[in-house]
């Protein structure tokens, strides 16, 4: 009887790791569509300036629109800063991939994604995006050996076969 597959490694949640997670999982939208909300808030605020409503409310909407536009423009920097300020930053994480699924364990996080919960595995140039019931997770190939990458690819074929 073959032994069950199991692989375990540790890595640090540093800025380079978070940067890789962001660049591999977020697809930037070059159109103006992400700015529509900010533009709308600025227009509402501008329209309120010419009414009898207090100017504080009008300026609040204009300011909110500007902040929303800045949030869209600097989304990556904002996201990286929030991750680096989190209590999980700069801590060691243990990643375990086995027959049951993928487990991550650290001082602050203890989670498991079962293979049966994964709907889709998409390989990126630097890792794997896992779409599951709770959302999307990213696993970097930089912390995996060749056998584990092959195992993840085989699970990718299994998820494609199961979804058909």
C-alpha atoms as a PDB file:
ATOM      1  CA  UNK A   1       0.000   0.000   0.000  1.00  0.00           C
ATOM      2  CA  UNK A   2       1.490   3.396  -0.981  1.00  0.00           C
ATOM      3  CA  UNK A   3       2.156   5.910   1.758  1.00  0.00           C
ATOM      4  CA  UNK A   4      -0.074   8.985   1.783  1.00  0.00           C
ATOM      5  CA  UNK A   5       1.455  12.158   0.358  1.00  0.00           C
ATOM      6  CA  UNK A   6       2.579  14.795   2.838  1.00  0.00           C
ATOM      7  CA  UNK A   7       4.772  17.878   2.515  1.00  0.00           C
ATOM      8  CA  UNK A   8       5.506  20.499   5.136  1.00  0.00           C
ATOM      9  CA  UNK A   9       7.551  23.691   5.020  1.00  0.00           C
ATOM     10  CA  UNK A  10       7.851  27.008   6.838  1.00  0.00           C
ATOM     11  CA  UNK A  11       8.195  30.551   5.561  1.00  0.00           C
ATOM     12  CA  UNK A  12       7.989  34.102   6.902  1.00  0.00           C
ATOM     13  CA  UNK A  13       5.113  36.435   6.081  1.00  0.00           C
ATOM     14  CA  UNK A  14       7.257  39.315   4.879  1.00  0.00           C
ATOM     15  CA  UNK A  15       6.699  42.154   2.430  1.00  0.00           C
ATOM     16  CA  UNK A  16       8.059  40.116  -0.506  1.00  0.00           C
ATOM     17  CA  UNK A  17       5.557  37.330   0.202  1.00  0.00           C
ATOM     18  CA  UNK A  18       2.625  39.739   0.470  1.00  0.00           C
ATOM     19  CA  UNK A  19       3.733  41.540  -2.704  1.00  0.00           C
ATOM     20  CA  UNK A  20       3.822  38.220  -4.589  1.00  0.00           C
ATOM     21  CA  UNK A  21       0.374  37.288  -3.259  1.00  0.00           C
ATOM     22  CA  UNK A  22      -1.065  40.588  -4.468  1.00  0.00           C
ATOM     23  CA  UNK A  23       0.559  40.617  -7.902  1.00  0.00           C
ATOM     24  CA  UNK A  24      -0.400  37.002  -8.601  1.00  0.00           C
ATOM     25  CA  UNK A  25      -4.006  37.251  -7.425  1.00  0.00           C
ATOM     26  CA  UNK A  26      -5.222  40.744  -8.385  1.00  0.00           C
ATOM     27  CA  UNK A  27      -5.848  41.600 -12.020  1.00  0.00           C
ATOM     28  CA  UNK A  28      -5.600  45.380 -12.501  1.00  0.00           C
ATOM     29  CA  UNK A  29      -8.413  47.084 -14.405  1.00  0.00           C
ATOM     30  CA  UNK A  30      -6.934  49.764 -16.734  1.00  0.00           C
ATOM     31  CA  UNK A  31     -10.328  51.345 -17.459  1.00  0.00           C
ATOM     32  CA  UNK A  32     -12.036  54.136 -15.547  1.00  0.00           C
ATOM     33  CA  UNK A  33     -14.675  51.749 -14.162  1.00  0.00           C
ATOM     34  CA  UNK A  34     -13.044  51.396 -10.701  1.00  0.00           C
ATOM     35  CA  UNK A  35     -13.125  55.200 -10.376  1.00  0.00           C
ATOM     36  CA  UNK A  36     -16.885  55.519 -11.022  1.00  0.00           C
ATOM     37  CA  UNK A  37     -17.781  55.414  -7.326  1.00  0.00           C
ATOM     38  CA  UNK A  38     -15.286  58.172  -6.481  1.00  0.00           C
ATOM     39  CA  UNK A  39     -16.394  60.298  -9.415  1.00  0.00           C
ATOM     40  CA  UNK A  40     -20.033  59.841  -8.398  1.00  0.00           C
ATOM     41  CA  UNK A  41     -19.345  60.913  -4.809  1.00  0.00           C
ATOM     42  CA  UNK A  42     -17.481  64.032  -6.003  1.00  0.00           C
ATOM     43  CA  UNK A  43     -20.370  64.914  -8.339  1.00  0.00           C
ATOM     44  CA  UNK A  44     -22.927  64.438  -5.546  1.00  0.00           C
ATOM     45  CA  UNK A  45     -20.832  66.616  -3.229  1.00  0.00           C
ATOM     46  CA  UNK A  46     -20.465  69.278  -5.894  1.00  0.00           C
ATOM     47  CA  UNK A  47     -24.214  69.258  -6.532  1.00  0.00           C
ATOM     48  CA  UNK A  48     -24.890  69.588  -2.781  1.00  0.00           C
ATOM     49  CA  UNK A  49     -22.735  72.743  -2.659  1.00  0.00           C
ATOM     50  CA  UNK A  50     -25.401  74.534  -4.717  1.00  0.00           C
ATOM     51  CA  UNK A  51     -28.299  73.515  -2.430  1.00  0.00           C
ATOM     52  CA  UNK A  52     -29.470  74.745   0.960  1.00  0.00           C
ATOM     53  CA  UNK A  53     -27.864  71.770   2.705  1.00  0.00           C
ATOM     54  CA  UNK A  54     -24.984  72.559   5.020  1.00  0.00           C
ATOM     55  CA  UNK A  55     -21.621  72.810   3.272  1.00  0.00           C
ATOM     56  CA  UNK A  56     -20.080  70.324   5.700  1.00  0.00           C
ATOM     57  CA  UNK A  57     -22.129  67.520   4.155  1.00  0.00           C
ATOM     58  CA  UNK A  58     -21.225  68.622   0.626  1.00  0.00           C
ATOM     59  CA  UNK A  59     -17.519  68.770   1.413  1.00  0.00           C
ATOM     60  CA  UNK A  60     -17.787  65.425   3.185  1.00  0.00           C
ATOM     61  CA  UNK A  61     -19.030  63.812  -0.041  1.00  0.00           C
ATOM     62  CA  UNK A  62     -16.311  65.512  -2.094  1.00  0.00           C
ATOM     63  CA  UNK A  63     -13.660  64.346   0.370  1.00  0.00           C
ATOM     64  CA  UNK A  64     -15.085  60.835   0.396  1.00  0.00           C
ATOM     65  CA  UNK A  65     -14.936  60.754  -3.405  1.00  0.00           C
ATOM     66  CA  UNK A  66     -11.310  61.887  -3.410  1.00  0.00           C
ATOM     67  CA  UNK A  67     -10.389  59.241  -0.817  1.00  0.00           C
ATOM     68  CA  UNK A  68     -12.168  56.580  -2.869  1.00  0.00           C
ATOM     69  CA  UNK A  69     -10.245  57.622  -5.997  1.00  0.00           C
ATOM     70  CA  UNK A  70      -6.956  57.507  -4.070  1.00  0.00           C
ATOM     71  CA  UNK A  71      -7.918  54.060  -2.768  1.00  0.00           C
ATOM     72  CA  UNK A  72      -8.313  52.829  -6.341  1.00  0.00           C
ATOM     73  CA  UNK A  73      -5.102  54.507  -7.540  1.00  0.00           C
ATOM     74  CA  UNK A  74      -2.932  53.228  -4.666  1.00  0.00           C
ATOM     75  CA  UNK A  75      -4.727  49.938  -3.992  1.00  0.00           C
ATOM     76  CA  UNK A  76      -1.599  47.774  -3.960  1.00  0.00           C
ATOM     77  CA  UNK A  77       0.361  50.062  -1.640  1.00  0.00           C
ATOM     78  CA  UNK A  78      -2.654  50.394   0.663  1.00  0.00           C
ATOM     79  CA  UNK A  79      -3.188  46.621   0.742  1.00  0.00           C
ATOM     80  CA  UNK A  80       0.515  45.923   1.402  1.00  0.00           C
ATOM     81  CA  UNK A  81       0.586  48.477   4.213  1.00  0.00           C
ATOM     82  CA  UNK A  82      -2.458  46.889   5.875  1.00  0.00           C
ATOM     83  CA  UNK A  83      -0.867  43.428   5.633  1.00  0.00           C
ATOM     84  CA  UNK A  84       2.431  44.660   7.072  1.00  0.00           C
ATOM     85  CA  UNK A  85       0.589  46.320   9.969  1.00  0.00           C
ATOM     86  CA  UNK A  86      -1.319  43.128  10.788  1.00  0.00           C
ATOM     87  CA  UNK A  87      -0.228  41.024  13.729  1.00  0.00           C
ATOM     88  CA  UNK A  88       0.493  38.104  11.367  1.00  0.00           C
ATOM     89  CA  UNK A  89       3.234  40.037   9.529  1.00  0.00           C
ATOM     90  CA  UNK A  90       6.844  38.927  10.110  1.00  0.00           C
ATOM     91  CA  UNK A  91       5.725  35.661  11.698  1.00  0.00           C
ATOM     92  CA  UNK A  92       6.625  32.152  10.668  1.00  0.00           C
ATOM     93  CA  UNK A  93       3.938  30.072   8.956  1.00  0.00           C
ATOM     94  CA  UNK A  94       3.930  26.292   8.608  1.00  0.00           C
ATOM     95  CA  UNK A  95       2.377  25.097   5.352  1.00  0.00           C
ATOM     96  CA  UNK A  96       1.330  21.444   5.149  1.00  0.00           C
ATOM     97  CA  UNK A  97       0.011  19.847   1.961  1.00  0.00           C
ATOM     98  CA  UNK A  98      -1.300  16.296   2.293  1.00  0.00           C
ATOM     99  CA  UNK A  99      -4.085  13.958   1.202  1.00  0.00           C
ATOM    100  CA  UNK A 100      -6.713  15.914   3.188  1.00  0.00           C
ATOM    101  CA  UNK A 101      -5.859  19.368   1.873  1.00  0.00           C
ATOM    102  CA  UNK A 102      -3.748  22.423   2.602  1.00  0.00           C
ATOM    103  CA  UNK A 103      -3.146  23.570   6.182  1.00  0.00           C
ATOM    104  CA  UNK A 104      -1.521  26.788   7.317  1.00  0.00           C
ATOM    105  CA  UNK A 105      -0.543  27.204  10.917  1.00  0.00           C
ATOM    106  CA  UNK A 106       1.078  30.145  12.648  1.00  0.00           C
ATOM    107  CA  UNK A 107       0.852  31.916  15.944  1.00  0.00           C
ATOM    108  CA  UNK A 108      -2.251  33.791  14.766  1.00  0.00           C
ATOM    109  CA  UNK A 109      -3.752  31.650  11.986  1.00  0.00           C
ATOM    110  CA  UNK A 110      -4.755  28.003  11.942  1.00  0.00           C
ATOM    111  CA  UNK A 111      -6.724  27.158   8.819  1.00  0.00           C
ATOM    112  CA  UNK A 112      -7.340  24.205   6.561  1.00  0.00           C
ATOM    113  CA  UNK A 113      -8.707  23.998   3.034  1.00  0.00           C
ATOM    114  CA  UNK A 114      -9.868  20.504   2.161  1.00  0.00           C
ATOM    115  CA  UNK A 115      -9.417  19.260  -1.399  1.00  0.00           C
ATOM    116  CA  UNK A 116     -13.154  18.577  -1.541  1.00  0.00           C
ATOM    117  CA  UNK A 117     -13.846  22.272  -0.805  1.00  0.00           C
ATOM    118  CA  UNK A 118     -11.640  23.518  -3.661  1.00  0.00           C
ATOM    119  CA  UNK A 119     -13.612  24.326  -6.810  1.00  0.00           C
ATOM    120  CA  UNK A 120     -10.757  25.441  -9.038  1.00  0.00           C
ATOM    121  CA  UNK A 121      -6.959  25.514  -8.975  1.00  0.00           C
ATOM    122  CA  UNK A 122      -5.357  28.018 -11.335  1.00  0.00           C
ATOM    123  CA  UNK A 123      -1.606  27.991 -11.808  1.00  0.00           C
ATOM    124  CA  UNK A 124       0.049  31.398 -12.030  1.00  0.00           C
ATOM    125  CA  UNK A 125       3.669  32.090 -13.040  1.00  0.00           C
ATOM    126  CA  UNK A 126       4.722  32.046  -9.359  1.00  0.00           C
ATOM    127  CA  UNK A 127       2.191  29.818  -7.597  1.00  0.00           C
ATOM    128  CA  UNK A 128      -1.354  28.519  -7.377  1.00  0.00           C
ATOM    129  CA  UNK A 129      -4.675  30.334  -6.870  1.00  0.00           C
ATOM    130  CA  UNK A 130      -7.181  28.126  -5.059  1.00  0.00           C
ATOM    131  CA  UNK A 131     -10.859  29.008  -5.406  1.00  0.00           C
ATOM    132  CA  UNK A 132     -12.885  27.460  -2.585  1.00  0.00           C
ATOM    133  CA  UNK A 133     -16.071  27.953  -0.573  1.00  0.00           C
ATOM    134  CA  UNK A 134     -14.578  30.657   1.647  1.00  0.00           C
ATOM    135  CA  UNK A 135     -12.973  32.648  -1.176  1.00  0.00           C
ATOM    136  CA  UNK A 136      -9.626  32.555  -2.942  1.00  0.00           C
ATOM    137  CA  UNK A 137      -6.244  31.634  -1.474  1.00  0.00           C
ATOM    138  CA  UNK A 138      -2.749  31.810  -2.905  1.00  0.00           C
ATOM    139  CA  UNK A 139       0.084  29.296  -2.432  1.00  0.00           C
ATOM    140  CA  UNK A 140       3.530  30.397  -3.606  1.00  0.00           C
ATOM    141  CA  UNK A 141       5.657  27.932  -5.567  1.00  0.00           C
ATOM    142  CA  UNK A 142       8.803  29.420  -4.034  1.00  0.00           C
ATOM    143  CA  UNK A 143       8.246  27.416  -0.841  1.00  0.00           C
ATOM    144  CA  UNK A 144       7.294  24.170  -2.624  1.00  0.00           C
ATOM    145  CA  UNK A 145       9.548  21.438  -3.962  1.00  0.00           C
ATOM    146  CA  UNK A 146       9.173  19.894  -7.439  1.00  0.00           C
ATOM    147  CA  UNK A 147       7.214  16.872  -6.152  1.00  0.00           C
ATOM    148  CA  UNK A 148       4.699  19.103  -4.367  1.00  0.00           C
ATOM    149  CA  UNK A 149       4.252  21.290  -7.449  1.00  0.00           C
ATOM    150  CA  UNK A 150       3.550  18.116  -9.467  1.00  0.00           C
ATOM    151  CA  UNK A 151       1.102  16.983  -6.767  1.00  0.00           C
ATOM    152  CA  UNK A 152      -0.709  20.358  -6.908  1.00  0.00           C
ATOM    153  CA  UNK A 153      -0.886  20.067 -10.694  1.00  0.00           C
ATOM    154  CA  UNK A 154      -2.401  16.588 -10.364  1.00  0.00           C
ATOM    155  CA  UNK A 155      -4.984  17.977  -7.931  1.00  0.00           C
ATOM    156  CA  UNK A 156      -5.682  20.683 -10.517  1.00  0.00           C
ATOM    157  CA  UNK A 157      -6.499  17.962 -13.043  1.00  0.00           C
ATOM    158  CA  UNK A 158      -8.696  16.259 -10.433  1.00  0.00           C
ATOM    159  CA  UNK A 159     -10.632  19.492  -9.797  1.00  0.00           C
ATOM    160  CA  UNK A 160     -11.166  19.998 -13.554  1.00  0.00           C
ATOM    161  CA  UNK A 161     -12.352  16.400 -13.926  1.00  0.00           C
ATOM    162  CA  UNK A 162     -14.713  16.666 -10.935  1.00  0.00           C
ATOM    163  CA  UNK A 163     -16.274  19.911 -12.153  1.00  0.00           C
ATOM    164  CA  UNK A 164     -17.205  18.516 -15.589  1.00  0.00           C
END
